[in-house]
Amino acid sequence: SSLWENAMLGHQTQPPFEKHGFVDKKGAKRRTTDIVERFDVRTP
C-alpha cells in the first residue's frame, strides 16, 4: 500500500484521515507529506 495509506494505520478514525465517516484522501496525503518532510523519509 501507498505511504499515505500506511500513515493512516491506527489513526484512520481520526482527523486528518477521516471526514464525515469517510477516508479524507487529501487530508491523509497532506499529513503524510508533513511526516516525510519532518522525519526526512527518502521517497519520490
All heavy atoms as atom14 arrays in JSON, in Angstrom:
{
  "sequence": "SSLWENAMLGHQTQPPFEKHGFVDKKGAKRRTTDIVERFDVRTP",
  "atom14_mask": [
    [1, 1, 1, 1, 1, 1, 0, 0, 0, 0, 0, 0, 0, 0],
    [1, 1, 1, 1, 1, 1, 0, 0, 0, 0, 0, 0, 0, 0],
    [1, 1, 1, 1, 1, 1, 1, 1, 0, 0, 0, 0, 0, 0],
    [1, 1, 1, 1, 1, 1, 1, 1, 1, 1, 1, 1, 1, 1],
    [1, 1, 1, 1, 1, 1, 1, 1, 1, 0, 0, 0, 0, 0],
    [1, 1, 1, 1, 1, 1, 1, 1, 0, 0, 0, 0, 0, 0],
    [1, 1, 1, 1, 1, 0, 0, 0, 0, 0, 0, 0, 0, 0],
    [1, 1, 1, 1, 1, 1, 1, 1, 0, 0, 0, 0, 0, 0],
    [1, 1, 1, 1, 1, 1, 1, 1, 0, 0, 0, 0, 0, 0],
    [1, 1, 1, 1, 0, 0, 0, 0, 0, 0, 0, 0, 0, 0],
    [1, 1, 1, 1, 1, 1, 1, 1, 1, 1, 0, 0, 0, 0],
    [1, 1, 1, 1, 1, 1, 1, 1, 1, 0, 0, 0, 0, 0],
    [1, 1, 1, 1, 1, 1, 1, 0, 0, 0, 0, 0, 0, 0],
    [1, 1, 1, 1, 1, 1, 1, 1, 1, 0, 0, 0, 0, 0],
    [1, 1, 1, 1, 1, 1, 1, 0, 0, 0, 0, 0, 0, 0],
    [1, 1, 1, 1, 1, 1, 1, 0, 0, 0, 0, 0, 0, 0],
    [1, 1, 1, 1, 1, 1, 1, 1, 1, 1, 1, 0, 0, 0],
    [1, 1, 1, 1, 1, 1, 1, 1, 1, 0, 0, 0, 0, 0],
    [1, 1, 1, 1, 1, 1, 1, 1, 1, 0, 0, 0, 0, 0],
    [1, 1, 1, 1, 1, 1, 1, 1, 1, 1, 0, 0, 0, 0],
    [1, 1, 1, 1, 0, 0, 0, 0, 0, 0, 0, 0, 0, 0],
    [1, 1, 1, 1, 1, 1, 1, 1, 1, 1, 1, 0, 0, 0],
    [1, 1, 1, 1, 1, 1, 1, 0, 0, 0, 0, 0, 0, 0],
    [1, 1, 1, 1, 1, 1, 1, 1, 0, 0, 0, 0, 0, 0],
    [1, 1, 1, 1, 1, 1, 1, 1, 1, 0, 0, 0, 0, 0],
    [1, 1, 1, 1, 1, 1, 1, 1, 1, 0, 0, 0, 0, 0],
    [1, 1, 1, 1, 0, 0, 0, 0, 0, 0, 0, 0, 0, 0],
    [1, 1, 1, 1, 1, 0, 0, 0, 0, 0, 0, 0, 0, 0],
    [1, 1, 1, 1, 1, 1, 1, 1, 1, 0, 0, 0, 0, 0],
    [1, 1, 1, 1, 1, 1, 1, 1, 1, 1, 1, 0, 0, 0],
    [1, 1, 1, 1, 1, 1, 1, 1, 1, 1, 1, 0, 0, 0],
    [1, 1, 1, 1, 1, 1, 1, 0, 0, 0, 0, 0, 0, 0],
    [1, 1, 1, 1, 1, 1, 1, 0, 0, 0, 0, 0, 0, 0],
    [1, 1, 1, 1, 1, 1, 1, 1, 0, 0, 0, 0, 0, 0],
    [1, 1, 1, 1, 1, 1, 1, 1, 0, 0, 0, 0, 0, 0],
    [1, 1, 1, 1, 1, 1, 1, 0, 0, 0, 0, 0, 0, 0],
    [1, 1, 1, 1, 1, 1, 1, 1, 1, 0, 0, 0, 0, 0],
    [1, 1, 1, 1, 1, 1, 1, 1, 1, 1, 1, 0, 0, 0],
    [1, 1, 1, 1, 1, 1, 1, 1, 1, 1, 1, 0, 0, 0],
    [1, 1, 1, 1, 1, 1, 1, 1, 0, 0, 0, 0, 0, 0],
    [1, 1, 1, 1, 1, 1, 1, 0, 0, 0, 0, 0, 0, 0],
    [1, 1, 1, 1, 1, 1, 1, 1, 1, 1, 1, 0, 0, 0],
    [1, 1, 1, 1, 1, 1, 1, 0, 0, 0, 0, 0, 0, 0],
    [1, 1, 1, 1, 1, 1, 1, 0, 0, 0, 0, 0, 0, 0]
  ],
  "atom14_positions": [
    [[0.84, -1.21, 0.0], [0.0, 0.0, 0.0], [0.86, 1.25, 0.0], [2.04, 1.22, 0.37], [-0.92, 0.0, 1.22], [-1.81, -1.1, 1.18], [0.0, 0.0, 0.0], [0.0, 0.0, 0.0], [0.0, 0.0, 0.0], [0.0, 0.0, 0.0], [0.0, 0.0, 0.0], [0.0, 0.0, 0.0], [0.0, 0.0, 0.0], [0.0, 0.0, 0.0]],
    [[0.27, 2.35, -0.41], [1.0, 3.62, -0.53], [1.4, 4.15, 0.84], [0.88, 3.73, 1.88], [0.12, 4.66, -1.23], [-0.98, 4.99, -0.4], [0.0, 0.0, 0.0], [0.0, 0.0, 0.0], [0.0, 0.0, 0.0], [0.0, 0.0, 0.0], [0.0, 0.0, 0.0], [0.0, 0.0, 0.0], [0.0, 0.0, 0.0], [0.0, 0.0, 0.0]],
    [[2.32, 5.13, 0.83], [2.76, 5.73, 2.09], [1.6, 6.42, 2.8], [1.48, 6.33, 4.02], [3.9, 6.73, 1.83], [5.17, 6.21, 1.16], [6.28, 7.25, 1.27], [5.62, 4.88, 1.74], [0.0, 0.0, 0.0], [0.0, 0.0, 0.0], [0.0, 0.0, 0.0], [0.0, 0.0, 0.0], [0.0, 0.0, 0.0], [0.0, 0.0, 0.0]],
    [[0.74, 7.12, 2.05], [-0.35, 7.83, 2.71], [-1.36, 6.86, 3.32], [-1.96, 7.16, 4.37], [-1.03, 8.85, 1.79], [-1.78, 8.31, 0.61], [-1.34, 8.13, -0.66], [-3.16, 7.88, 0.6], [-2.33, 7.62, -1.46], [-3.46, 7.47, -0.73], [-4.16, 7.81, 1.56], [-4.72, 6.99, -1.09], [-5.43, 7.34, 1.2], [-5.69, 6.94, -0.12]],
    [[-1.54, 5.71, 2.7], [-2.44, 4.71, 3.29], [-1.8, 4.12, 4.55], [-2.49, 3.88, 5.56], [-2.73, 3.61, 2.28], [-3.65, 4.06, 1.15], [-3.73, 3.06, 0.02], [-2.68, 2.6, -0.48], [-4.87, 2.74, -0.38], [0.0, 0.0, 0.0], [0.0, 0.0, 0.0], [0.0, 0.0, 0.0], [0.0, 0.0, 0.0], [0.0, 0.0, 0.0]],
    [[-0.49, 3.91, 4.53], [0.19, 3.41, 5.71], [0.19, 4.42, 6.85], [0.12, 4.05, 8.02], [1.63, 3.03, 5.36], [1.74, 1.6, 4.84], [1.71, 0.66, 5.62], [1.82, 1.45, 3.52], [0.0, 0.0, 0.0], [0.0, 0.0, 0.0], [0.0, 0.0, 0.0], [0.0, 0.0, 0.0], [0.0, 0.0, 0.0], [0.0, 0.0, 0.0]],
    [[0.26, 5.7, 6.51], [0.24, 6.74, 7.55], [-1.07, 6.77, 8.32], [-1.14, 7.27, 9.45], [0.52, 8.1, 6.93], [0.0, 0.0, 0.0], [0.0, 0.0, 0.0], [0.0, 0.0, 0.0], [0.0, 0.0, 0.0], [0.0, 0.0, 0.0], [0.0, 0.0, 0.0], [0.0, 0.0, 0.0], [0.0, 0.0, 0.0], [0.0, 0.0, 0.0]],
    [[-2.12, 6.23, 7.71], [-3.43, 6.19, 8.36], [-3.55, 5.09, 9.4], [-4.4, 5.18, 10.29], [-4.53, 5.97, 7.3], [-4.69, 7.09, 6.32], [-5.88, 6.64, 5.01], [-7.36, 6.32, 5.99], [0.0, 0.0, 0.0], [0.0, 0.0, 0.0], [0.0, 0.0, 0.0], [0.0, 0.0, 0.0], [0.0, 0.0, 0.0], [0.0, 0.0, 0.0]],
    [[-2.73, 4.05, 9.3], [-2.92, 2.85, 10.12], [-2.93, 3.19, 11.62], [-1.99, 3.79, 12.14], [-1.82, 1.83, 9.83], [-1.78, 1.25, 8.42], [-0.61, 0.29, 8.26], [-3.09, 0.53, 8.1], [0.0, 0.0, 0.0], [0.0, 0.0, 0.0], [0.0, 0.0, 0.0], [0.0, 0.0, 0.0], [0.0, 0.0, 0.0], [0.0, 0.0, 0.0]],
    [[-4.0, 2.8, 12.29], [-4.14, 3.08, 13.71], [-4.78, 4.42, 14.01], [-5.16, 4.69, 15.14], [0.0, 0.0, 0.0], [0.0, 0.0, 0.0], [0.0, 0.0, 0.0], [0.0, 0.0, 0.0], [0.0, 0.0, 0.0], [0.0, 0.0, 0.0], [0.0, 0.0, 0.0], [0.0, 0.0, 0.0], [0.0, 0.0, 0.0], [0.0, 0.0, 0.0]],
    [[-4.89, 5.27, 12.98], [-5.44, 6.62, 13.18], [-6.57, 6.92, 12.18], [-6.98, 8.06, 12.02], [-4.34, 7.66, 13.02], [-3.14, 7.4, 13.89], [-3.15, 7.6, 15.25], [-1.91, 6.92, 13.59], [-1.96, 7.26, 15.74], [-1.19, 6.85, 14.75], [0.0, 0.0, 0.0], [0.0, 0.0, 0.0], [0.0, 0.0, 0.0], [0.0, 0.0, 0.0]],
    [[-7.03, 5.87, 11.49], [-7.97, 6.08, 10.38], [-9.33, 6.6, 10.81], [-10.1, 7.08, 9.99], [-8.13, 4.77, 9.58], [-8.72, 3.62, 10.36], [-7.66, 2.76, 11.06], [-6.54, 3.21, 11.27], [-8.03, 1.55, 11.42], [0.0, 0.0, 0.0], [0.0, 0.0, 0.0], [0.0, 0.0, 0.0], [0.0, 0.0, 0.0], [0.0, 0.0, 0.0]],
    [[-9.63, 6.53, 12.12], [-10.92, 7.03, 12.6], [-10.86, 8.47, 13.07], [-11.83, 9.0, 13.58], [-11.43, 6.15, 13.76], [-10.47, 6.2, 14.83], [-11.61, 4.71, 13.31], [0.0, 0.0, 0.0], [0.0, 0.0, 0.0], [0.0, 0.0, 0.0], [0.0, 0.0, 0.0], [0.0, 0.0, 0.0], [0.0, 0.0, 0.0], [0.0, 0.0, 0.0]],
    [[-9.69, 9.11, 12.89], [-9.49, 10.46, 13.43], [-8.99, 11.4, 12.33], [-8.36, 10.96, 11.36], [-8.47, 10.41, 14.58], [-8.91, 9.51, 15.74], [-7.75, 9.17, 16.67], [-6.82, 8.48, 16.3], [-7.82, 9.69, 17.89], [0.0, 0.0, 0.0], [0.0, 0.0, 0.0], [0.0, 0.0, 0.0], [0.0, 0.0, 0.0], [0.0, 0.0, 0.0]],
    [[-9.27, 12.71, 12.48], [-8.71, 13.7, 11.55], [-7.18, 13.65, 11.63], [-6.63, 13.33, 12.69], [-9.25, 15.04, 12.07], [-10.43, 14.68, 12.92], [-10.13, 13.33, 13.49], [0.0, 0.0, 0.0], [0.0, 0.0, 0.0], [0.0, 0.0, 0.0], [0.0, 0.0, 0.0], [0.0, 0.0, 0.0], [0.0, 0.0, 0.0], [0.0, 0.0, 0.0]],
    [[-6.46, 13.96, 10.55], [-6.96, 14.42, 9.25], [-7.3, 13.3, 8.28], [-7.5, 13.55, 7.1], [-5.77, 15.22, 8.72], [-4.58, 14.46, 9.24], [-4.98, 13.95, 10.59], [0.0, 0.0, 0.0], [0.0, 0.0, 0.0], [0.0, 0.0, 0.0], [0.0, 0.0, 0.0], [0.0, 0.0, 0.0], [0.0, 0.0, 0.0], [0.0, 0.0, 0.0]],
    [[-7.36, 12.05, 8.78], [-7.57, 10.92, 7.89], [-9.05, 10.61, 7.66], [-9.4, 9.94, 6.69], [-6.88, 9.67, 8.47], [-5.42, 9.86, 8.72], [-4.92, 9.93, 10.02], [-4.53, 10.01, 7.67], [-3.57, 10.11, 10.26], [-3.17, 10.19, 7.89], [-2.7, 10.24, 9.2], [0.0, 0.0, 0.0], [0.0, 0.0, 0.0], [0.0, 0.0, 0.0]],
    [[-9.9, 11.12, 8.56], [-11.34, 10.82, 8.49], [-12.14, 12.12, 8.4], [-11.8, 13.12, 9.03], [-11.74, 10.03, 9.73], [-13.2, 9.64, 9.79], [-14.08, 10.68, 10.45], [-13.55, 11.57, 11.15], [-15.31, 10.61, 10.26], [0.0, 0.0, 0.0], [0.0, 0.0, 0.0], [0.0, 0.0, 0.0], [0.0, 0.0, 0.0], [0.0, 0.0, 0.0]],
    [[-13.18, 12.1, 7.58], [-14.06, 13.26, 7.44], [-15.48, 12.76, 7.17], [-15.72, 12.09, 6.17], [-13.57, 14.14, 6.29], [-14.23, 15.51, 6.22], [-13.55, 16.37, 5.15], [-14.12, 17.76, 5.12], [-13.46, 18.59, 4.08], [0.0, 0.0, 0.0], [0.0, 0.0, 0.0], [0.0, 0.0, 0.0], [0.0, 0.0, 0.0], [0.0, 0.0, 0.0]],
    [[-16.4, 13.05, 8.11], [-17.8, 12.64, 7.97], [-17.93, 11.13, 7.76], [-18.79, 10.67, 6.99], [-18.48, 13.39, 6.83], [-18.35, 14.88, 6.92], [-18.67, 15.6, 8.05], [-17.91, 15.79, 5.99], [-18.44, 16.89, 7.83], [-17.97, 17.04, 6.59], [0.0, 0.0, 0.0], [0.0, 0.0, 0.0], [0.0, 0.0, 0.0], [0.0, 0.0, 0.0]],
    [[-17.08, 10.35, 8.43], [-17.2, 8.9, 8.35], [-16.5, 8.26, 7.16], [-16.57, 7.04, 6.98], [0.0, 0.0, 0.0], [0.0, 0.0, 0.0], [0.0, 0.0, 0.0], [0.0, 0.0, 0.0], [0.0, 0.0, 0.0], [0.0, 0.0, 0.0], [0.0, 0.0, 0.0], [0.0, 0.0, 0.0], [0.0, 0.0, 0.0], [0.0, 0.0, 0.0]],
    [[-15.83, 9.08, 6.34], [-15.15, 8.56, 5.15], [-13.66, 8.93, 5.21], [-13.25, 9.84, 5.92], [-15.76, 9.14, 3.87], [-17.18, 8.72, 3.64], [-18.24, 9.51, 4.06], [-17.47, 7.51, 3.01], [-19.55, 9.13, 3.86], [-18.78, 7.12, 2.8], [-19.83, 7.92, 3.22], [0.0, 0.0, 0.0], [0.0, 0.0, 0.0], [0.0, 0.0, 0.0]],
    [[-12.87, 8.19, 4.42], [-11.44, 8.5, 4.32], [-11.26, 9.84, 3.65], [-11.83, 10.1, 2.59], [-10.7, 7.41, 3.51], [-9.28, 7.84, 3.19], [-10.69, 6.09, 4.27], [0.0, 0.0, 0.0], [0.0, 0.0, 0.0], [0.0, 0.0, 0.0], [0.0, 0.0, 0.0], [0.0, 0.0, 0.0], [0.0, 0.0, 0.0], [0.0, 0.0, 0.0]],
    [[-10.5, 10.72, 4.29], [-10.17, 12.03, 3.71], [-8.8, 11.89, 3.02], [-7.75, 12.07, 3.63], [-10.12, 13.09, 4.81], [-9.88, 14.49, 4.26], [-9.56, 14.62, 3.06], [-9.99, 15.46, 5.03], [0.0, 0.0, 0.0], [0.0, 0.0, 0.0], [0.0, 0.0, 0.0], [0.0, 0.0, 0.0], [0.0, 0.0, 0.0], [0.0, 0.0, 0.0]],
    [[-8.84, 11.56, 1.73], [-7.61, 11.27, 0.99], [-6.69, 12.49, 0.94], [-5.47, 12.38, 1.11], [-7.97, 10.82, -0.42], [-6.79, 10.29, -1.23], [-7.26, 9.7, -2.55], [-6.12, 9.2, -3.4], [-6.58, 8.6, -4.67], [0.0, 0.0, 0.0], [0.0, 0.0, 0.0], [0.0, 0.0, 0.0], [0.0, 0.0, 0.0], [0.0, 0.0, 0.0]],
    [[-7.27, 13.68, 0.73], [-6.46, 14.9, 0.68], [-5.79, 15.16, 2.03], [-4.6, 15.49, 2.1], [-7.31, 16.09, 0.26], [-7.71, 16.09, -1.21], [-8.47, 17.37, -1.56], [-8.83, 17.4, -3.05], [-9.6, 18.63, -3.4], [0.0, 0.0, 0.0], [0.0, 0.0, 0.0], [0.0, 0.0, 0.0], [0.0, 0.0, 0.0], [0.0, 0.0, 0.0]],
    [[-6.56, 15.0, 3.1], [-6.0, 15.2, 4.43], [-4.91, 14.19, 4.74], [-3.88, 14.52, 5.33], [0.0, 0.0, 0.0], [0.0, 0.0, 0.0], [0.0, 0.0, 0.0], [0.0, 0.0, 0.0], [0.0, 0.0, 0.0], [0.0, 0.0, 0.0], [0.0, 0.0, 0.0], [0.0, 0.0, 0.0], [0.0, 0.0, 0.0], [0.0, 0.0, 0.0]],
    [[-5.12, 12.94, 4.31], [-4.13, 11.89, 4.54], [-2.84, 12.2, 3.79], [-1.74, 12.01, 4.32], [-4.7, 10.54, 4.1], [0.0, 0.0, 0.0], [0.0, 0.0, 0.0], [0.0, 0.0, 0.0], [0.0, 0.0, 0.0], [0.0, 0.0, 0.0], [0.0, 0.0, 0.0], [0.0, 0.0, 0.0], [0.0, 0.0, 0.0], [0.0, 0.0, 0.0]],
    [[-2.96, 12.67, 2.56], [-1.76, 12.98, 1.77], [-1.02, 14.19, 2.35], [0.22, 14.22, 2.36], [-2.13, 13.22, 0.31], [-2.5, 11.94, -0.43], [-2.55, 12.16, -1.93], [-2.71, 10.85, -2.69], [-2.56, 10.99, -4.13], [0.0, 0.0, 0.0], [0.0, 0.0, 0.0], [0.0, 0.0, 0.0], [0.0, 0.0, 0.0], [0.0, 0.0, 0.0]],
    [[-1.77, 15.17, 2.86], [-1.13, 16.34, 3.48], [-0.33, 15.92, 4.71], [0.81, 16.33, 4.89], [-2.17, 17.39, 3.85], [-2.62, 18.28, 2.7], [-3.33, 19.53, 3.2], [-4.48, 19.21, 4.04], [-5.73, 19.02, 3.57], [-5.96, 19.12, 2.26], [-6.72, 18.74, 4.38], [0.0, 0.0, 0.0], [0.0, 0.0, 0.0], [0.0, 0.0, 0.0]],
    [[-0.98, 15.1, 5.57], [-0.29, 14.66, 6.79], [0.94, 13.84, 6.43], [2.01, 14.0, 7.04], [-1.25, 13.84, 7.65], [-0.6, 13.09, 8.83], [0.13, 14.02, 9.83], [-0.79, 14.84, 10.55], [-1.44, 14.46, 11.66], [-1.26, 13.26, 12.17], [-2.25, 15.3, 12.26], [0.0, 0.0, 0.0], [0.0, 0.0, 0.0], [0.0, 0.0, 0.0]],
    [[0.81, 12.96, 5.44], [1.94, 12.11, 5.06], [3.08, 12.95, 4.5], [4.26, 12.69, 4.78], [1.5, 11.06, 4.03], [0.34, 10.38, 4.52], [2.61, 10.04, 3.79], [0.0, 0.0, 0.0], [0.0, 0.0, 0.0], [0.0, 0.0, 0.0], [0.0, 0.0, 0.0], [0.0, 0.0, 0.0], [0.0, 0.0, 0.0], [0.0, 0.0, 0.0]],
    [[2.76, 13.98, 3.73], [3.79, 14.89, 3.22], [4.51, 15.58, 4.37], [5.74, 15.73, 4.36], [3.16, 15.94, 2.29], [2.54, 15.27, 1.17], [4.21, 16.91, 1.76], [0.0, 0.0, 0.0], [0.0, 0.0, 0.0], [0.0, 0.0, 0.0], [0.0, 0.0, 0.0], [0.0, 0.0, 0.0], [0.0, 0.0, 0.0], [0.0, 0.0, 0.0]],
    [[3.75, 15.96, 5.41], [4.36, 16.58, 6.59], [5.31, 15.59, 7.3], [6.4, 15.97, 7.73], [3.28, 17.05, 7.58], [2.48, 18.23, 7.05], [2.96, 18.9, 6.11], [1.38, 18.47, 7.58], [0.0, 0.0, 0.0], [0.0, 0.0, 0.0], [0.0, 0.0, 0.0], [0.0, 0.0, 0.0], [0.0, 0.0, 0.0], [0.0, 0.0, 0.0]],
    [[4.88, 14.34, 7.4], [5.71, 13.31, 8.03], [7.01, 13.13, 7.23], [8.11, 13.07, 7.79], [4.96, 11.97, 8.12], [3.78, 12.08, 9.09], [5.89, 10.84, 8.57], [2.82, 10.9, 9.04], [0.0, 0.0, 0.0], [0.0, 0.0, 0.0], [0.0, 0.0, 0.0], [0.0, 0.0, 0.0], [0.0, 0.0, 0.0], [0.0, 0.0, 0.0]],
    [[6.88, 13.02, 5.9], [8.02, 12.83, 5.02], [9.04, 13.96, 5.19], [10.25, 13.73, 5.27], [7.56, 12.71, 3.56], [8.72, 12.87, 2.59], [6.87, 11.36, 3.33], [0.0, 0.0, 0.0], [0.0, 0.0, 0.0], [0.0, 0.0, 0.0], [0.0, 0.0, 0.0], [0.0, 0.0, 0.0], [0.0, 0.0, 0.0], [0.0, 0.0, 0.0]],
    [[8.54, 15.19, 5.27], [9.43, 16.35, 5.38], [10.07, 16.43, 6.77], [11.28, 16.63, 6.9], [8.65, 17.63, 5.07], [8.26, 17.73, 3.6], [7.4, 18.95, 3.3], [7.03, 19.67, 4.27], [7.08, 19.18, 2.12], [0.0, 0.0, 0.0], [0.0, 0.0, 0.0], [0.0, 0.0, 0.0], [0.0, 0.0, 0.0], [0.0, 0.0, 0.0]],
    [[9.26, 16.26, 7.81], [9.79, 16.43, 9.17], [10.75, 15.32, 9.56], [11.75, 15.56, 10.25], [8.62, 16.49, 10.16], [9.06, 16.54, 11.62], [7.89, 16.78, 12.54], [8.16, 16.35, 13.89], [7.29, 16.36, 14.89], [6.06, 16.8, 14.66], [7.61, 15.94, 16.1], [0.0, 0.0, 0.0], [0.0, 0.0, 0.0], [0.0, 0.0, 0.0]],
    [[10.47, 14.09, 9.11], [11.28, 12.95, 9.52], [12.24, 12.48, 8.42], [12.83, 11.41, 8.54], [10.37, 11.8, 9.98], [9.71, 12.08, 11.31], [8.54, 12.82, 11.37], [10.28, 11.65, 12.49], [7.94, 13.1, 12.58], [9.69, 11.93, 13.7], [8.52, 12.67, 13.75], [0.0, 0.0, 0.0], [0.0, 0.0, 0.0], [0.0, 0.0, 0.0]],
    [[12.38, 13.27, 7.38], [13.35, 13.0, 6.31], [13.18, 11.6, 5.75], [14.14, 10.82, 5.64], [14.78, 13.2, 6.84], [15.83, 13.15, 5.71], [15.47, 13.51, 4.57], [16.97, 12.75, 5.98], [0.0, 0.0, 0.0], [0.0, 0.0, 0.0], [0.0, 0.0, 0.0], [0.0, 0.0, 0.0], [0.0, 0.0, 0.0], [0.0, 0.0, 0.0]],
    [[11.95, 11.25, 5.39], [11.68, 9.96, 4.75], [12.05, 10.09, 3.28], [11.45, 10.9, 2.55], [10.2, 9.56, 4.89], [9.94, 8.21, 4.22], [9.8, 9.52, 6.36], [0.0, 0.0, 0.0], [0.0, 0.0, 0.0], [0.0, 0.0, 0.0], [0.0, 0.0, 0.0], [0.0, 0.0, 0.0], [0.0, 0.0, 0.0], [0.0, 0.0, 0.0]],
    [[13.03, 9.35, 2.83], [13.54, 9.48, 1.46], [12.61, 8.74, 0.5], [12.59, 7.51, 0.46], [14.95, 8.91, 1.36], [15.92, 9.43, 2.42], [16.38, 10.85, 2.16], [17.2, 11.35, 3.24], [18.51, 11.15, 3.37], [19.17, 10.43, 2.47], [19.18, 11.66, 4.38], [0.0, 0.0, 0.0], [0.0, 0.0, 0.0], [0.0, 0.0, 0.0]],
    [[11.83, 9.48, -0.26], [10.86, 8.89, -1.19], [10.57, 9.88, -2.3], [10.58, 11.1, -2.07], [9.55, 8.52, -0.47], [8.61, 8.01, -1.41], [8.93, 9.73, 0.23], [0.0, 0.0, 0.0], [0.0, 0.0, 0.0], [0.0, 0.0, 0.0], [0.0, 0.0, 0.0], [0.0, 0.0, 0.0], [0.0, 0.0, 0.0], [0.0, 0.0, 0.0]],
    [[10.29, 9.39, -3.52], [9.94, 10.31, -4.6], [8.62, 11.02, -4.37], [8.45, 12.18, -4.73], [9.85, 9.41, -5.84], [10.12, 8.01, -5.42], [10.43, 8.0, -3.97], [0.0, 0.0, 0.0], [0.0, 0.0, 0.0], [0.0, 0.0, 0.0], [0.0, 0.0, 0.0], [0.0, 0.0, 0.0], [0.0, 0.0, 0.0], [0.0, 0.0, 0.0]]
  ]
}
